Amino acid sequence: MSIPLIYGARIANVDLVGDAIRALRIGQPRSARAYLYGNWGLRWDPSRGAGFNIHVVLQGNCWLRPDGRDPVQLEAGDVAFISRTIAHGVSDSPLSPLRDVPPDENDFWFPDHADAEASPTLPLTVLMGGSYYLQRQRMHPLIESLPEVIVLPNRTQADDPILDIVNLLGAEHDNHEPGSSAAMPALLDLLLTYVIRAAFDAADPGMGWAAAIRDPALSTALHNMQNTPEIDWTVSTLARASGLSRATFARRFTAAVGQPPMAYLTWWRMNLAKQHLSESDMPLSAVASRTAYRSEFAFSKAFKREVGCSPGAFRREATARRRR
């Protein structure tokens, strides 16, 4: 059954945050728990791709040290979100030397720091780390609009859903039950959802993506683009579906989203195309059709212009990554 278009009013199933998080799933989410003791410090360089790290303090305390910013002390229950576009460190004190974490995304923590049998007489900090690494993938603009560093303090209240998520992540790490490989990415998605909600609750409601989420006309347009990308949308038809004049719609959309409507629509279609190419054997003709291109040639030309390689090369690279 086809998804109905929305005209003129925001309704309950317009979930732009959910769309943004689903766009991230092209990446390979990972999580790890580390037991850190004595004098220690870890540092992450900016990633060549897009993505983010999340650090959750389960026990003890530590210092978050983003490059070019003042250190921030984190206590048990705090959650920190850090864009992978900036370098940052985590350490036992703001002055401890930092050791570089290897650039391979599979090495989220140093093995020699992950010692659960550390002496109980030593100060002990337990961290939960989560990370998305996105190959050949720009972050969703909604996520890009977030501050580079977000700290949610003191998530230790018994009824706090974030605490429940963190506890579930810990249980998955401890037990390694069947289905853990599916459960942990889903829990990271959920943790990210709450971080984004908190950030937008604190944002200026009249600016950027916070404005787009709250603006019925813009959220209608974004819903139509993201849920029916196969339609040959134009600025005029998007404006009409949103109940605005063409000029007003284009101006308001660009101011809030940060790029013109058709540029955003092209980005979204290419994002979906990358998902299809990475996760399925769908023929190029079908991928082209689902992204509103009338021929494989037109789709391939647009894909190479936006992504930097042909659809076939992108699929081969994605297949090779899965086999490693």
C-alpha atoms as a PDB file:
ATOM      1  CA  MET A   1       0.000   0.000   0.000  1.00  0.00           C
ATOM      2  CA  SER A   2       1.438   3.362  -0.962  1.00  0.00           C
ATOM      3  CA  ILE A   3       2.069   5.997   1.680  1.00  0.00           C
ATOM      4  CA  PRO A   4      -0.441   8.860   1.389  1.00  0.00           C
ATOM      5  CA  LEU A   5       0.858  12.345   0.783  1.00  0.00           C
ATOM      6  CA  ILE A   6       0.266  14.981   3.412  1.00  0.00           C
ATOM      7  CA  TYR A   7      -1.263  18.291   2.452  1.00  0.00           C
ATOM      8  CA  GLY A   8      -1.200  21.361   4.611  1.00  0.00           C
ATOM      9  CA  ALA A   9      -1.202  19.955   8.159  1.00  0.00           C
ATOM     10  CA  ARG A  10       1.219  18.185  10.425  1.00  0.00           C
ATOM     11  CA  ILE A  11       0.029  14.762  11.591  1.00  0.00           C
ATOM     12  CA  ALA A  12       1.297  12.244  14.097  1.00  0.00           C
ATOM     13  CA  ASN A  13       3.408  10.108  11.744  1.00  0.00           C
ATOM     14  CA  VAL A  14       5.669  12.993  10.640  1.00  0.00           C
ATOM     15  CA  ASP A  15       8.769  11.897  12.583  1.00  0.00           C
ATOM     16  CA  LEU A  16      11.774  13.801  11.279  1.00  0.00           C
ATOM     17  CA  VAL A  17      14.029  12.670  14.124  1.00  0.00           C
ATOM     18  CA  GLY A  18      13.167   9.046  13.365  1.00  0.00           C
ATOM     19  CA  ASP A  19      13.945   9.608   9.688  1.00  0.00           C
ATOM     20  CA  ALA A  20      17.312  11.116  10.633  1.00  0.00           C
ATOM     21  CA  ILE A  21      18.259   8.162  12.804  1.00  0.00           C
ATOM     22  CA  ARG A  22      17.198   5.659  10.154  1.00  0.00           C
ATOM     23  CA  ALA A  23      19.490   7.468   7.727  1.00  0.00           C
ATOM     24  CA  LEU A  24      22.416   6.739  10.057  1.00  0.00           C
ATOM     25  CA  ARG A  25      21.919   3.011   9.861  1.00  0.00           C
ATOM     26  CA  ILE A  26      24.028   2.842   6.722  1.00  0.00           C
ATOM     27  CA  GLY A  27      26.872   3.061   9.220  1.00  0.00           C
ATOM     28  CA  GLN A  28      28.123   0.285  11.469  1.00  0.00           C
ATOM     29  CA  PRO A  29      27.168   1.062  15.075  1.00  0.00           C
ATOM     30  CA  ARG A  30      29.365  -0.415  17.763  1.00  0.00           C
ATOM     31  CA  SER A  31      29.436  -0.330  21.526  1.00  0.00           C
ATOM     32  CA  ALA A  32      31.918  -1.404  24.179  1.00  0.00           C
ATOM     33  CA  ARG A  33      32.429  -1.237  27.914  1.00  0.00           C
ATOM     34  CA  ALA A  34      35.766  -0.376  29.491  1.00  0.00           C
ATOM     35  CA  TYR A  35      37.118  -0.658  33.056  1.00  0.00           C
ATOM     36  CA  LEU A  36      39.675   2.109  33.564  1.00  0.00           C
ATOM     37  CA  TYR A  37      41.926   2.489  36.572  1.00  0.00           C
ATOM     38  CA  GLY A  38      44.992   4.370  37.747  1.00  0.00           C
ATOM     39  CA  ASN A  39      46.155   7.191  35.489  1.00  0.00           C
ATOM     40  CA  TRP A  40      44.688   6.813  32.026  1.00  0.00           C
ATOM     41  CA  GLY A  41      43.701   8.862  28.996  1.00  0.00           C
ATOM     42  CA  LEU A  42      42.321   8.078  25.543  1.00  0.00           C
ATOM     43  CA  ARG A  43      42.069  10.363  22.524  1.00  0.00           C
ATOM     44  CA  TRP A  44      40.014  10.081  19.318  1.00  0.00           C
ATOM     45  CA  ASP A  45      41.109  11.987  16.209  1.00  0.00           C
ATOM     46  CA  PRO A  46      38.472  13.406  13.869  1.00  0.00           C
ATOM     47  CA  SER A  47      37.067  10.751  11.566  1.00  0.00           C
ATOM     48  CA  ARG A  48      37.514  10.895   7.809  1.00  0.00           C
ATOM     49  CA  GLY A  49      33.855   9.920   7.561  1.00  0.00           C
ATOM     50  CA  ALA A  50      30.833  11.223   9.395  1.00  0.00           C
ATOM     51  CA  GLY A  51      29.624   9.914  12.697  1.00  0.00           C
ATOM     52  CA  PHE A  52      29.625  10.392  16.430  1.00  0.00           C
ATOM     53  CA  ASN A  53      30.752   8.874  19.710  1.00  0.00           C
ATOM     54  CA  ILE A  54      28.673   8.480  22.862  1.00  0.00           C
ATOM     55  CA  HIS A  55      30.288   8.026  26.275  1.00  0.00           C
ATOM     56  CA  VAL A  56      28.244   6.942  29.283  1.00  0.00           C
ATOM     57  CA  VAL A  57      29.778   6.974  32.772  1.00  0.00           C
ATOM     58  CA  LEU A  58      28.524   3.881  34.581  1.00  0.00           C
ATOM     59  CA  GLN A  59      30.761   4.194  37.616  1.00  0.00           C
ATOM     60  CA  GLY A  60      33.241   6.690  39.009  1.00  0.00           C
ATOM     61  CA  ASN A  61      34.083   9.875  37.119  1.00  0.00           C
ATOM     62  CA  CYS A  62      36.299  11.168  34.321  1.00  0.00           C
ATOM     63  CA  TRP A  63      37.037  14.251  32.243  1.00  0.00           C
ATOM     64  CA  LEU A  64      35.807  14.874  28.725  1.00  0.00           C
ATOM     65  CA  ARG A  65      38.412  16.931  26.829  1.00  0.00           C
ATOM     66  CA  PRO A  66      37.207  18.202  23.421  1.00  0.00           C
ATOM     67  CA  ASP A  67      39.965  19.945  21.453  1.00  0.00           C
ATOM     68  CA  GLY A  68      39.732  23.725  21.696  1.00  0.00           C
ATOM     69  CA  ARG A  69      37.250  23.616  24.591  1.00  0.00           C
ATOM     70  CA  ASP A  70      37.409  23.567  28.352  1.00  0.00           C
ATOM     71  CA  PRO A  71      37.449  20.106  29.943  1.00  0.00           C
ATOM     72  CA  VAL A  72      34.135  18.903  31.380  1.00  0.00           C
ATOM     73  CA  GLN A  73      33.968  16.608  34.411  1.00  0.00           C
ATOM     74  CA  LEU A  74      31.612  13.668  33.951  1.00  0.00           C
ATOM     75  CA  GLU A  75      30.058  11.852  36.901  1.00  0.00           C
ATOM     76  CA  ALA A  76      28.298   8.508  37.165  1.00  0.00           C
ATOM     77  CA  GLY A  77      25.127   8.613  35.078  1.00  0.00           C
ATOM     78  CA  ASP A  78      26.308  11.375  32.711  1.00  0.00           C
ATOM     79  CA  VAL A  79      25.962  10.848  28.951  1.00  0.00           C
ATOM     80  CA  ALA A  80      28.187  12.722  26.468  1.00  0.00           C
ATOM     81  CA  PHE A  81      27.632  12.994  22.689  1.00  0.00           C
ATOM     82  CA  ILE A  82      30.650  14.071  20.603  1.00  0.00           C
ATOM     83  CA  SER A  83      30.708  14.604  16.866  1.00  0.00           C
ATOM     84  CA  ARG A  84      33.420  12.627  15.112  1.00  0.00           C
ATOM     85  CA  THR A  85      34.326  15.773  13.201  1.00  0.00           C
ATOM     86  CA  ILE A  86      36.298  17.004  16.235  1.00  0.00           C
ATOM     87  CA  ALA A  87      39.100  15.435  18.250  1.00  0.00           C
ATOM     88  CA  HIS A  88      38.433  14.675  21.887  1.00  0.00           C
ATOM     89  CA  GLY A  89      39.856  12.842  24.841  1.00  0.00           C
ATOM     90  CA  VAL A  90      38.556  11.097  27.941  1.00  0.00           C
ATOM     91  CA  SER A  91      40.804  10.707  30.973  1.00  0.00           C
ATOM     92  CA  ASP A  92      41.007  10.338  34.735  1.00  0.00           C
ATOM     93  CA  SER A  93      42.073  13.986  35.165  1.00  0.00           C
ATOM     94  CA  PRO A  94      42.216  17.079  32.924  1.00  0.00           C
ATOM     95  CA  LEU A  95      46.035  16.860  32.873  1.00  0.00           C
ATOM     96  CA  SER A  96      46.668  13.165  32.179  1.00  0.00           C
ATOM     97  CA  PRO A  97      48.470  12.323  28.915  1.00  0.00           C
ATOM     98  CA  LEU A  98      46.215  10.973  26.182  1.00  0.00           C
ATOM     99  CA  ARG A  99      46.958   7.898  24.067  1.00  0.00           C
ATOM    100  CA  ASP A 100      45.540   7.858  20.565  1.00  0.00           C
ATOM    101  CA  VAL A 101      42.849   5.313  19.836  1.00  0.00           C
ATOM    102  CA  PRO A 102      43.699   3.568  16.532  1.00  0.00           C
ATOM    103  CA  PRO A 103      41.827   4.879  13.497  1.00  0.00           C
ATOM    104  CA  ASP A 104      40.333   1.462  12.752  1.00  0.00           C
ATOM    105  CA  GLU A 105      36.735   1.786  13.883  1.00  0.00           C
ATOM    106  CA  ASN A 106      36.830  -1.778  15.234  1.00  0.00           C
ATOM    107  CA  ASP A 107      39.243  -0.704  17.997  1.00  0.00           C
ATOM    108  CA  PHE A 108      36.940   1.462  20.068  1.00  0.00           C
ATOM    109  CA  TRP A 109      38.837   0.825  23.303  1.00  0.00           C
ATOM    110  CA  PHE A 110      42.377  -0.238  24.019  1.00  0.00           C
ATOM    111  CA  PRO A 111      42.350  -3.881  25.164  1.00  0.00           C
ATOM    112  CA  ASP A 112      44.933  -3.195  27.908  1.00  0.00           C
ATOM    113  CA  HIS A 113      42.520  -0.805  29.595  1.00  0.00           C
ATOM    114  CA  ALA A 114      39.553  -3.187  29.536  1.00  0.00           C
ATOM    115  CA  ASP A 115      40.509  -5.173  32.644  1.00  0.00           C
ATOM    116  CA  ALA A 116      37.503  -6.199  34.717  1.00  0.00           C
ATOM    117  CA  GLU A 117      39.823  -7.718  37.351  1.00  0.00           C
ATOM    118  CA  ALA A 118      41.456  -4.423  38.282  1.00  0.00           C
ATOM    119  CA  SER A 119      42.443  -4.089  41.948  1.00  0.00           C
ATOM    120  CA  PRO A 120      39.525  -2.749  44.009  1.00  0.00           C
ATOM    121  CA  THR A 121      41.968  -0.533  45.917  1.00  0.00           C
ATOM    122  CA  LEU A 122      42.515   1.568  42.789  1.00  0.00           C
ATOM    123  CA  PRO A 123      40.110   4.275  41.610  1.00  0.00           C
ATOM    124  CA  LEU A 124      37.869   2.633  39.052  1.00  0.00           C
ATOM    125  CA  THR A 125      35.869   4.240  36.249  1.00  0.00           C
ATOM    126  CA  VAL A 126      33.541   2.189  34.102  1.00  0.00           C
ATOM    127  CA  LEU A 127      32.534   3.657  30.743  1.00  0.00           C
ATOM    128  CA  MET A 128      30.094   2.521  28.090  1.00  0.00           C
ATOM    129  CA  GLY A 129      31.054   3.709  24.624  1.00  0.00           C
ATOM    130  CA  GLY A 130      28.994   3.775  21.467  1.00  0.00           C
ATOM    131  CA  SER A 131      29.974   4.878  17.988  1.00  0.00           C
ATOM    132  CA  TYR A 132      28.670   5.190  14.442  1.00  0.00           C
ATOM    133  CA  TYR A 133      31.142   5.201  11.569  1.00  0.00           C
ATOM    134  CA  LEU A 134      29.697   6.183   8.217  1.00  0.00           C
ATOM    135  CA  GLN A 135      31.496   5.243   4.990  1.00  0.00           C
ATOM    136  CA  ARG A 136      31.125   7.709   2.085  1.00  0.00           C
ATOM    137  CA  GLN A 137      28.190   9.168   3.971  1.00  0.00           C
ATOM    138  CA  ARG A 138      27.305  12.648   5.119  1.00  0.00           C
ATOM    139  CA  MET A 139      25.476  12.796   8.386  1.00  0.00           C
ATOM    140  CA  HIS A 140      21.794  13.643   8.162  1.00  0.00           C
ATOM    141  CA  PRO A 141      21.550  17.490   8.235  1.00  0.00           C
ATOM    142  CA  LEU A 142      19.371  17.296  11.337  1.00  0.00           C
ATOM    143  CA  ILE A 143      22.201  15.538  13.170  1.00  0.00           C
ATOM    144  CA  GLU A 144      24.783  17.886  11.679  1.00  0.00           C
ATOM    145  CA  SER A 145      22.859  20.804  13.150  1.00  0.00           C
ATOM    146  CA  LEU A 146      23.353  19.519  16.698  1.00  0.00           C
ATOM    147  CA  PRO A 147      26.097  20.992  18.890  1.00  0.00           C
ATOM    148  CA  GLU A 148      29.406  19.179  18.499  1.00  0.00           C
ATOM    149  CA  VAL A 149      29.402  18.340  22.199  1.00  0.00           C
ATOM    150  CA  ILE A 150      26.266  17.543  24.222  1.00  0.00           C
ATOM    151  CA  VAL A 151      26.367  16.454  27.858  1.00  0.00           C
ATOM    152  CA  LEU A 152      23.252  15.071  29.553  1.00  0.00           C
ATOM    153  CA  PRO A 153      23.993  15.165  33.267  1.00  0.00           C
ATOM    154  CA  ASN A 154      23.199  12.709  36.039  1.00  0.00           C
ATOM    155  CA  ARG A 155      21.129  10.005  34.346  1.00  0.00           C
ATOM    156  CA  THR A 156      20.812   7.983  37.559  1.00  0.00           C
ATOM    157  CA  GLN A 157      17.137   8.474  38.469  1.00  0.00           C
ATOM    158  CA  ALA A 158      15.377   5.126  38.742  1.00  0.00           C
ATOM    159  CA  ASP A 159      12.645   6.143  36.281  1.00  0.00           C
ATOM    160  CA  ASP A 160      14.985   7.656  33.662  1.00  0.00           C
ATOM    161  CA  PRO A 161      14.600   5.804  30.325  1.00  0.00           C
ATOM    162  CA  ILE A 162      18.227   6.551  29.422  1.00  0.00           C
ATOM    163  CA  LEU A 163      19.317   4.617  32.496  1.00  0.00           C
ATOM    164  CA  ASP A 164      17.207   1.683  31.311  1.00  0.00           C
ATOM    165  CA  ILE A 165      18.869   1.803  27.876  1.00  0.00           C
ATOM    166  CA  VAL A 166      22.344   1.910  29.406  1.00  0.00           C
ATOM    167  CA  ASN A 167      21.527  -1.028  31.689  1.00  0.00           C
ATOM    168  CA  LEU A 168      20.254  -3.026  28.712  1.00  0.00           C
ATOM    169  CA  LEU A 169      23.433  -2.273  26.740  1.00  0.00           C
ATOM    170  CA  GLY A 170      25.471  -3.463  29.702  1.00  0.00           C
ATOM    171  CA  ALA A 171      23.444  -6.660  29.941  1.00  0.00           C
ATOM    172  CA  GLU A 172      23.949  -7.377  26.242  1.00  0.00           C
ATOM    173  CA  HIS A 173      27.707  -6.943  26.655  1.00  0.00           C
ATOM    174  CA  ASP A 174      27.769  -9.216  29.691  1.00  0.00           C
ATOM    175  CA  ASN A 175      25.578 -12.037  28.468  1.00  0.00           C
ATOM    176  CA  HIS A 176      26.193 -12.310  24.701  1.00  0.00           C
ATOM    177  CA  GLU A 177      22.779 -13.898  24.231  1.00  0.00           C
ATOM    178  CA  PRO A 178      21.480 -14.829  20.757  1.00  0.00           C
ATOM    179  CA  GLY A 179      20.401 -11.651  18.957  1.00  0.00           C
ATOM    180  CA  SER A 180      22.899  -9.349  20.692  1.00  0.00           C
ATOM    181  CA  SER A 181      24.302  -8.207  17.352  1.00  0.00           C
ATOM    182  CA  ALA A 182      20.847  -6.845  16.499  1.00  0.00           C
ATOM    183  CA  ALA A 183      19.970  -5.622  19.987  1.00  0.00           C
ATOM    184  CA  MET A 184      22.999  -3.417  20.572  1.00  0.00           C
ATOM    185  CA  PRO A 185      22.652  -1.279  17.404  1.00  0.00           C
ATOM    186  CA  ALA A 186      18.937  -0.864  18.178  1.00  0.00           C
ATOM    187  CA  LEU A 187      19.751   0.276  21.719  1.00  0.00           C
ATOM    188  CA  LEU A 188      22.329   2.742  20.372  1.00  0.00           C
ATOM    189  CA  ASP A 189      19.642   4.122  18.053  1.00  0.00           C
ATOM    190  CA  LEU A 190      17.346   4.539  21.046  1.00  0.00           C
ATOM    191  CA  LEU A 191      20.050   6.209  23.124  1.00  0.00           C
ATOM    192  CA  LEU A 192      20.717   8.617  20.267  1.00  0.00           C
ATOM    193  CA  THR A 193      16.991   9.397  20.071  1.00  0.00           C
ATOM    194  CA  TYR A 194      16.969  10.622  23.651  1.00  0.00           C
ATOM    195  CA  VAL A 195      20.145  12.677  23.139  1.00  0.00           C
ATOM    196  CA  ILE A 196      18.564  14.389  20.121  1.00  0.00           C
ATOM    197  CA  ARG A 197      15.319  15.048  21.993  1.00  0.00           C
ATOM    198  CA  ALA A 198      17.204  16.681  24.834  1.00  0.00           C
ATOM    199  CA  ALA A 199      19.214  18.830  22.421  1.00  0.00           C
ATOM    200  CA  PHE A 200      16.127  20.055  20.570  1.00  0.00           C
ATOM    201  CA  ASP A 201      14.271  20.707  23.807  1.00  0.00           C
ATOM    202  CA  ALA A 202      17.105  23.100  24.707  1.00  0.00           C
ATOM    203  CA  ALA A 203      17.439  24.674  21.232  1.00  0.00           C
ATOM    204  CA  ASP A 204      15.946  27.961  20.050  1.00  0.00           C
ATOM    205  CA  PRO A 205      12.548  26.817  18.698  1.00  0.00           C
ATOM    206  CA  GLY A 206      12.616  29.476  15.990  1.00  0.00           C
ATOM    207  CA  MET A 207      15.893  28.505  14.354  1.00  0.00           C
ATOM    208  CA  GLY A 208      17.280  25.683  12.207  1.00  0.00           C
ATOM    209  CA  TRP A 209      15.989  22.133  12.421  1.00  0.00           C
ATOM    210  CA  ALA A 210      14.243  22.917  15.697  1.00  0.00           C
ATOM    211  CA  ALA A 211      12.090  25.298  13.654  1.00  0.00           C
ATOM    212  CA  ALA A 212      11.601  22.760  10.849  1.00  0.00           C
ATOM    213  CA  ILE A 213      10.381  20.120  13.293  1.00  0.00           C
ATOM    214  CA  ARG A 214       7.856  22.525  14.807  1.00  0.00           C
ATOM    215  CA  ASP A 215       6.716  24.139  11.530  1.00  0.00           C
ATOM    216  CA  PRO A 216       3.702  22.225  10.128  1.00  0.00           C
ATOM    217  CA  ALA A 217       4.404  23.321   6.544  1.00  0.00           C
ATOM    218  CA  LEU A 218       8.089  22.354   6.598  1.00  0.00           C
ATOM    219  CA  SER A 219       7.548  19.084   8.436  1.00  0.00           C
ATOM    220  CA  THR A 220       4.872  18.250   5.865  1.00  0.00           C
ATOM    221  CA  ALA A 221       7.297  18.899   3.002  1.00  0.00           C
ATOM    222  CA  LEU A 222      10.061  16.894   4.645  1.00  0.00           C
ATOM    223  CA  HIS A 223       7.705  14.021   5.317  1.00  0.00           C
ATOM    224  CA  ASN A 224       6.619  13.968   1.673  1.00  0.00           C
ATOM    225  CA  MET A 225      10.217  14.044   0.417  1.00  0.00           C
ATOM    226  CA  GLN A 226      11.448  11.362   2.792  1.00  0.00           C
ATOM    227  CA  ASN A 227       8.510   8.970   2.503  1.00  0.00           C
ATOM    228  CA  THR A 228       7.746   9.311  -1.219  1.00  0.00           C
ATOM    229  CA  PRO A 229      11.122  10.074  -2.825  1.00  0.00           C
ATOM    230  CA  GLU A 230      10.026   8.229  -5.992  1.00  0.00           C
ATOM    231  CA  ILE A 231       7.634  11.069  -6.836  1.00  0.00           C
ATOM    232  CA  ASP A 232       8.977  13.665  -9.247  1.00  0.00           C
ATOM    233  CA  TRP A 233       8.765  16.493  -6.734  1.00  0.00           C
ATOM    234  CA  THR A 234       9.396  20.117  -7.669  1.00  0.00           C
ATOM    235  CA  VAL A 235       9.592  23.192  -5.477  1.00  0.00           C
ATOM    236  CA  SER A 236       6.123  24.158  -6.706  1.00  0.00           C
ATOM    237  CA  THR A 237       4.479  20.817  -5.903  1.00  0.00           C
ATOM    238  CA  LEU A 238       6.146  20.655  -2.488  1.00  0.00           C
ATOM    239  CA  ALA A 239       5.008  24.187  -1.739  1.00  0.00           C
ATOM    240  CA  ARG A 240       1.460  23.427  -2.810  1.00  0.00           C
ATOM    241  CA  ALA A 241       1.338  20.279  -0.659  1.00  0.00           C
ATOM    242  CA  SER A 242       2.599  22.362   2.263  1.00  0.00           C
ATOM    243  CA  GLY A 243       0.016  25.102   1.804  1.00  0.00           C
ATOM    244  CA  LEU A 244       2.544  27.829   0.998  1.00  0.00           C
ATOM    245  CA  SER A 245       3.466  29.929  -1.999  1.00  0.00           C
ATOM    246  CA  ARG A 246       6.512  28.765  -3.916  1.00  0.00           C
ATOM    247  CA  ALA A 247       8.676  31.724  -2.835  1.00  0.00           C
ATOM    248  CA  THR A 248       7.664  31.559   0.828  1.00  0.00           C
ATOM    249  CA  PHE A 249       8.212  27.818   0.978  1.00  0.00           C
ATOM    250  CA  ALA A 250      11.650  27.955  -0.670  1.00  0.00           C
ATOM    251  CA  ARG A 251      12.800  30.795   1.589  1.00  0.00           C
ATOM    252  CA  ARG A 252      11.495  29.231   4.824  1.00  0.00           C
ATOM    253  CA  PHE A 253      12.833  25.752   3.942  1.00  0.00           C
ATOM    254  CA  THR A 254      16.319  26.999   3.067  1.00  0.00           C
ATOM    255  CA  ALA A 255      16.552  29.108   6.230  1.00  0.00           C
ATOM    256  CA  ALA A 256      15.556  26.230   8.508  1.00  0.00           C
ATOM    257  CA  VAL A 257      17.177  23.217   6.825  1.00  0.00           C
ATOM    258  CA  GLY A 258      20.308  24.962   5.586  1.00  0.00           C
ATOM    259  CA  GLN A 259      19.983  24.066   1.908  1.00  0.00           C
ATOM    260  CA  PRO A 260      17.373  24.557  -0.820  1.00  0.00           C
ATOM    261  CA  PRO A 261      14.529  22.027  -1.121  1.00  0.00           C
ATOM    262  CA  MET A 262      15.796  20.261  -4.236  1.00  0.00           C
ATOM    263  CA  ALA A 263      19.353  19.993  -2.913  1.00  0.00           C
ATOM    264  CA  TYR A 264      18.023  18.349   0.226  1.00  0.00           C
ATOM    265  CA  LEU A 265      15.781  16.030  -1.801  1.00  0.00           C
ATOM    266  CA  THR A 266      18.727  14.922  -3.951  1.00  0.00           C
ATOM    267  CA  TRP A 267      20.791  14.220  -0.825  1.00  0.00           C
ATOM    268  CA  TRP A 268      17.959  12.167   0.650  1.00  0.00           C
ATOM    269  CA  ARG A 269      17.476  10.142  -2.533  1.00  0.00           C
ATOM    270  CA  MET A 270      21.195   9.372  -2.734  1.00  0.00           C
ATOM    271  CA  ASN A 271      21.132   8.320   0.915  1.00  0.00           C
ATOM    272  CA  LEU A 272      18.332   5.851   0.156  1.00  0.00           C
ATOM    273  CA  ALA A 273      20.183   4.655  -2.928  1.00  0.00           C
ATOM    274  CA  LYS A 274      23.257   3.905  -0.820  1.00  0.00           C
ATOM    275  CA  GLN A 275      21.108   1.904   1.577  1.00  0.00           C
ATOM    276  CA  HIS A 276      19.675  -0.153  -1.286  1.00  0.00           C
ATOM    277  CA  LEU A 277      23.102  -0.695  -2.826  1.00  0.00           C
ATOM    278  CA  SER A 278      24.679  -1.647   0.522  1.00  0.00           C
ATOM    279  CA  GLU A 279      21.953  -3.870   1.930  1.00  0.00           C
ATOM    280  CA  SER A 280      20.305  -5.573  -1.051  1.00  0.00           C
ATOM    281  CA  ASP A 281      20.866  -7.064  -4.491  1.00  0.00           C
ATOM    282  CA  MET A 282      18.258  -4.748  -5.993  1.00  0.00           C
ATOM    283  CA  PRO A 283      19.054  -4.067  -9.674  1.00  0.00           C
ATOM    284  CA  LEU A 284      20.132  -0.564 -10.595  1.00  0.00           C
ATOM    285  CA  SER A 285      16.944  -0.046 -12.589  1.00  0.00           C
ATOM    286  CA  ALA A 286      14.879  -0.606  -9.431  1.00  0.00           C
ATOM    287  CA  VAL A 287      17.107   1.679  -7.344  1.00  0.00           C
ATOM    288  CA  ALA A 288      16.761   4.348 -10.018  1.00  0.00           C
ATOM    289  CA  SER A 289      12.977   4.007 -10.017  1.00  0.00           C
ATOM    290  CA  ARG A 290      12.757   4.257  -6.229  1.00  0.00           C
ATOM    291  CA  THR A 291      14.708   7.493  -6.301  1.00  0.00           C
ATOM    292  CA  ALA A 292      12.719   9.147  -9.134  1.00  0.00           C
ATOM    293  CA  TYR A 293      15.242   8.588 -11.945  1.00  0.00           C
ATOM    294  CA  ARG A 294      13.780   7.369 -15.233  1.00  0.00           C
ATOM    295  CA  SER A 295      16.848   5.469 -16.394  1.00  0.00           C
ATOM    296  CA  GLU A 296      19.885   3.703 -14.991  1.00  0.00           C
ATOM    297  CA  PHE A 297      22.077   6.141 -16.923  1.00  0.00           C
ATOM    298  CA  ALA A 298      20.491   9.224 -15.349  1.00  0.00           C
ATOM    299  CA  PHE A 299      20.657   7.654 -11.900  1.00  0.00           C
ATOM    300  CA  SER A 300      24.294   6.560 -12.303  1.00  0.00           C
ATOM    301  CA  LYS A 301      25.328  10.011 -13.482  1.00  0.00           C
ATOM    302  CA  ALA A 302      23.592  11.710 -10.528  1.00  0.00           C
ATOM    303  CA  PHE A 303      24.971   9.160  -8.052  1.00  0.00           C
ATOM    304  CA  LYS A 304      28.566   9.625  -9.225  1.00  0.00           C
ATOM    305  CA  ARG A 305      28.187  13.405  -9.081  1.00  0.00           C
ATOM    306  CA  GLU A 306      26.865  13.324  -5.505  1.00  0.00           C
ATOM    307  CA  VAL A 307      28.813  10.403  -4.018  1.00  0.00           C
ATOM    308  CA  GLY A 308      32.050  10.471  -5.996  1.00  0.00           C
ATOM    309  CA  CYS A 309      31.926   6.949  -7.427  1.00  0.00           C
ATOM    310  CA  SER A 310      29.630   4.857  -9.587  1.00  0.00           C
ATOM    311  CA  PRO A 311      26.775   2.814  -8.043  1.00  0.00           C
ATOM    312  CA  GLY A 312      28.572  -0.404  -9.025  1.00  0.00           C
ATOM    313  CA  ALA A 313      31.816   0.656  -7.323  1.00  0.00           C
ATOM    314  CA  PHE A 314      29.891   1.705  -4.205  1.00  0.00           C
ATOM    315  CA  ARG A 315      28.125  -1.675  -4.046  1.00  0.00           C
ATOM    316  CA  ARG A 316      31.382  -3.599  -4.495  1.00  0.00           C
ATOM    317  CA  GLU A 317      33.025  -1.626  -1.702  1.00  0.00           C
ATOM    318  CA  ALA A 318      30.031  -2.198   0.604  1.00  0.00           C
ATOM    319  CA  THR A 319      30.075  -5.930  -0.162  1.00  0.00           C
ATOM    320  CA  ALA A 320      33.805  -6.116   0.573  1.00  0.00           C
ATOM    321  CA  ARG A 321      33.307  -4.366   3.937  1.00  0.00           C
ATOM    322  CA  ARG A 322      30.620  -6.841   4.956  1.00  0.00           C
ATOM    323  CA  ARG A 323      32.905  -9.779   4.187  1.00  0.00           C
ATOM    324  CA  ARG A 324      35.813  -8.458   6.235  1.00  0.00           C
END
